[in-house]
C-alpha atoms as a PDB file:
ATOM      1  CA  MET A   1     345.569 142.003  20.807  1.00  0.00           C
ATOM      2  CA  SER A   2     342.766 144.713  20.085  1.00  0.00           C
ATOM      3  CA  ASN A   3     340.672 141.750  19.515  1.00  0.00           C
ATOM      4  CA  GLN A   4     341.751 140.346  23.260  1.00  0.00           C
ATOM      5  CA  ASN A   5     341.239 143.470  25.054  1.00  0.00           C
ATOM      6  CA  LYS A   6     337.699 143.448  23.218  1.00  0.00           C
ATOM      7  CA  THR A   7     336.703 139.931  24.956  1.00  0.00           C
ATOM      8  CA  GLU A   8     338.522 140.529  28.362  1.00  0.00           C
ATOM      9  CA  LEU A   9     336.483 143.830  28.560  1.00  0.00           C
ATOM     10  CA  VAL A  10     333.078 141.845  27.911  1.00  0.00           C
ATOM     11  CA  ALA A  11     333.980 138.787  29.943  1.00  0.00           C
ATOM     12  CA  GLU A  12     333.748 140.881  32.981  1.00  0.00           C
ATOM     13  CA  PRO A  13     331.194 140.459  35.711  1.00  0.00           C
ATOM     14  CA  LYS A  14     328.882 143.722  35.856  1.00  0.00           C
ATOM     15  CA  VAL A  15     328.729 144.773  39.442  1.00  0.00           C
ATOM     16  CA  SER A  16     324.786 144.805  40.358  1.00  0.00           C
ATOM     17  CA  ASN A  17     323.057 147.690  42.010  1.00  0.00           C
ATOM     18  CA  ASN A  18     320.417 145.622  43.547  1.00  0.00           C
ATOM     19  CA  TRP A  19     321.542 145.663  46.769  1.00  0.00           C
ATOM     20  CA  ILE A  20     321.705 149.321  47.064  1.00  0.00           C
ATOM     21  CA  PRO A  21     317.217 149.751  47.518  1.00  0.00           C
ATOM     22  CA  VAL A  22     317.490 147.376  50.395  1.00  0.00           C
ATOM     23  CA  LEU A  23     320.386 149.042  51.893  1.00  0.00           C
ATOM     24  CA  VAL A  24     318.889 151.913  51.398  1.00  0.00           C
ATOM     25  CA  GLY A  25     315.564 150.865  53.155  1.00  0.00           C
ATOM     26  CA  THR A  26     316.825 148.915  55.965  1.00  0.00           C
ATOM     27  CA  LEU A  27     318.580 152.372  56.557  1.00  0.00           C
ATOM     28  CA  LEU A  28     315.623 153.932  56.499  1.00  0.00           C
ATOM     29  CA  CYS A  29     314.078 151.422  58.439  1.00  0.00           C
ATOM     30  CA  ILE A  30     316.601 151.847  61.491  1.00  0.00           C
ATOM     31  CA  VAL A  31     316.214 155.599  61.285  1.00  0.00           C
ATOM     32  CA  VAL A  32     312.288 155.452  61.632  1.00  0.00           C
ATOM     33  CA  ALA A  33     312.743 152.634  64.547  1.00  0.00           C
ATOM     34  CA  LEU A  34     315.497 154.998  66.787  1.00  0.00           C
ATOM     35  CA  VAL A  35     313.503 157.999  65.643  1.00  0.00           C
ATOM     36  CA  TRP A  36     309.974 156.177  67.185  1.00  0.00           C
ATOM     37  CA  TRP A  37     311.938 155.106  69.575  1.00  0.00           C
ATOM     38  CA  ILE A  38     313.593 158.736  70.930  1.00  0.00           C
ATOM     39  CA  GLN A  39     309.937 160.325  70.486  1.00  0.00           C
ATOM     40  CA  ASN A  40     308.597 157.515  72.879  1.00  0.00           C
ATOM     41  CA  GLU A  41     311.471 158.546  75.610  1.00  0.00           C
ATOM     42  CA  HIS A  42     310.618 161.502  75.341  1.00  0.00           C
ATOM     43  CA  GLU A  43     306.945 161.163  75.932  1.00  0.00           C
ATOM     44  CA  GLN A  44     307.273 158.798  78.743  1.00  0.00           C
ATOM     45  CA  THR A  45     309.286 161.604  80.078  1.00  0.00           C
ATOM     46  CA  LYS A  46     307.255 164.088  79.581  1.00  0.00           C
ATOM     47  CA  GLN A  47     304.536 162.268  81.496  1.00  0.00           C
ATOM     48  CA  SER A  48     306.588 161.270  84.240  1.00  0.00           C
ATOM     49  CA  GLN A  49     307.542 164.883  84.723  1.00  0.00           C
ATOM     50  CA  ILE A  50     303.218 165.965  84.747  1.00  0.00           C
ATOM     51  CA  VAL A  51     302.047 163.106  86.871  1.00  0.00           C
ATOM     52  CA  GLU A  52     305.449 164.783  89.350  1.00  0.00           C
ATOM     53  CA  THR A  53     303.826 167.892  89.066  1.00  0.00           C
ATOM     54  CA  GLU A  54     300.229 166.970  89.701  1.00  0.00           C
ATOM     55  CA  ALA A  55     301.573 165.345  92.536  1.00  0.00           C
ATOM     56  CA  ASP A  56     303.624 167.821  94.132  1.00  0.00           C
ATOM     57  CA  LEU A  57     300.599 170.176  93.378  1.00  0.00           C
ATOM     58  CA  LEU A  58     297.538 168.079  95.262  1.00  0.00           C
ATOM     59  CA  ALA A  59     300.410 167.360  98.317  1.00  0.00           C
ATOM     60  CA  SER A  60     300.806 170.907  98.938  1.00  0.00           C
ATOM     61  CA  TYR A  61     296.467 171.167  99.304  1.00  0.00           C
ATOM     62  CA  ILE A  62     296.076 168.556 101.406  1.00  0.00           C
ATOM     63  CA  LYS A  63     298.955 170.301 103.615  1.00  0.00           C
ATOM     64  CA  THR A  64     297.096 173.542 102.992  1.00  0.00           C
ATOM     65  CA  ASP A  65     293.951 171.814 104.156  1.00  0.00           C
ATOM     66  CA  MET A  66     295.497 170.219 106.861  1.00  0.00           C
ATOM     67  CA  ARG A  67     297.105 172.913 107.982  1.00  0.00           C
ATOM     68  CA  SER A  68     293.494 175.265 108.437  1.00  0.00           C
ATOM     69  CA  ARG A  69     291.858 173.139 110.070  1.00  0.00           C
ATOM     70  CA  ILE A  70     294.465 171.831 113.055  1.00  0.00           C
ATOM     71  CA  PRO A  71     293.913 175.094 114.425  1.00  0.00           C
ATOM     72  CA  SER A  72     290.217 175.088 114.651  1.00  0.00           C
ATOM     73  CA  LEU A  73     289.967 171.819 116.181  1.00  0.00           C
ATOM     74  CA  GLN A  74     293.217 173.300 118.795  1.00  0.00           C
ATOM     75  CA  ARG A  75     290.171 175.632 119.572  1.00  0.00           C
ATOM     76  CA  ILE A  76     288.460 172.916 121.046  1.00  0.00           C
ATOM     77  CA  VAL A  77     291.247 171.274 122.866  1.00  0.00           C
ATOM     78  CA  ASN A  78     292.225 174.609 124.369  1.00  0.00           C
ATOM     79  CA  ARG A  79     288.498 175.486 125.551  1.00  0.00           C
ATOM     80  CA  TRP A  80     288.301 172.012 127.102  1.00  0.00           C
ATOM     81  CA  GLN A  81     292.017 172.784 129.026  1.00  0.00           C
ATOM     82  CA  ASP A  82     291.091 175.988 129.739  1.00  0.00           C
ATOM     83  CA  ARG A  83     287.589 174.542 131.287  1.00  0.00           C
ATOM     84  CA  GLY A  84     288.780 171.787 132.606  1.00  0.00           C
ATOM     85  CA  GLY A  85     286.118 170.073 130.483  1.00  0.00           C
ATOM     86  CA  THR A  86     282.959 171.244 128.310  1.00  0.00           C
ATOM     87  CA  PRO A  87     279.627 170.441 128.520  1.00  0.00           C
ATOM     88  CA  GLN A  88     278.561 167.074 126.224  1.00  0.00           C
ATOM     89  CA  GLU A  89     275.755 170.025 124.780  1.00  0.00           C
ATOM     90  CA  GLU A  90     278.326 172.857 123.810  1.00  0.00           C
ATOM     91  CA  PHE A  91     280.842 170.637 122.401  1.00  0.00           C
ATOM     92  CA  LEU A  92     278.136 169.066 120.244  1.00  0.00           C
ATOM     93  CA  ASN A  93     276.777 172.437 118.914  1.00  0.00           C
ATOM     94  CA  ASP A  94     280.549 173.122 117.826  1.00  0.00           C
ATOM     95  CA  THR A  95     281.630 170.398 116.248  1.00  0.00           C
ATOM     96  CA  LEU A  96     278.039 169.872 114.386  1.00  0.00           C
ATOM     97  CA  ASP A  97     279.451 173.430 113.314  1.00  0.00           C
ATOM     98  CA  TYR A  98     282.389 172.723 112.283  1.00  0.00           C
ATOM     99  CA  VAL A  99     281.096 169.860 110.548  1.00  0.00           C
ATOM    100  CA  SER A 100     278.892 171.386 108.365  1.00  0.00           C
ATOM    101  CA  ASN A 101     280.966 174.590 107.752  1.00  0.00           C
ATOM    102  CA  ILE A 102     284.362 173.088 106.668  1.00  0.00           C
ATOM    103  CA  PRO A 103     283.978 170.640 104.425  1.00  0.00           C
ATOM    104  CA  GLY A 104     285.558 167.433 104.337  1.00  0.00           C
ATOM    105  CA  PHE A 105     284.920 166.468 108.329  1.00  0.00           C
ATOM    106  CA  GLN A 106     283.251 163.131 108.632  1.00  0.00           C
ATOM    107  CA  ALA A 107     282.605 163.389 112.247  1.00  0.00           C
ATOM    108  CA  LEU A 108     283.677 164.670 115.526  1.00  0.00           C
ATOM    109  CA  GLU A 109     282.882 162.615 118.227  1.00  0.00           C
ATOM    110  CA  TRP A 110     282.316 162.879 122.014  1.00  0.00           C
ATOM    111  CA  VAL A 111     284.610 161.286 124.324  1.00  0.00           C
ATOM    112  CA  ASP A 112     284.541 160.884 128.198  1.00  0.00           C
ATOM    113  CA  LYS A 113     286.582 159.723 130.311  1.00  0.00           C
ATOM    114  CA  ILE A 114     286.209 156.119 129.946  1.00  0.00           C
ATOM    115  CA  PHE A 115     286.036 156.760 126.279  1.00  0.00           C
ATOM    116  CA  MET A 116     282.206 156.469 125.846  1.00  0.00           C
END
């Protein structure tokens, strides 16, 4: 019997350990891909937040600029309404001052009753 036991032990196939490195390599590839994807999503979210913050800041600058320009122009309108009109030369001098002193204006034009 002891001879028979020895033969059975020798005849049993050995389990191969070659699959362990493949499994570990595959798992590491999955982990690396997952970490890369998470980092990429985080970076895109961060960039979106930066763009949104900059857009809000620029919108605020534009609103502030418009709020400061409109009262200046409103003074010209009020003067026109109070006097029943403004002489063209006085209007042109006022608008020339506005255009030269307040950057961003391209032109302020004289328009009479017939839009000329």
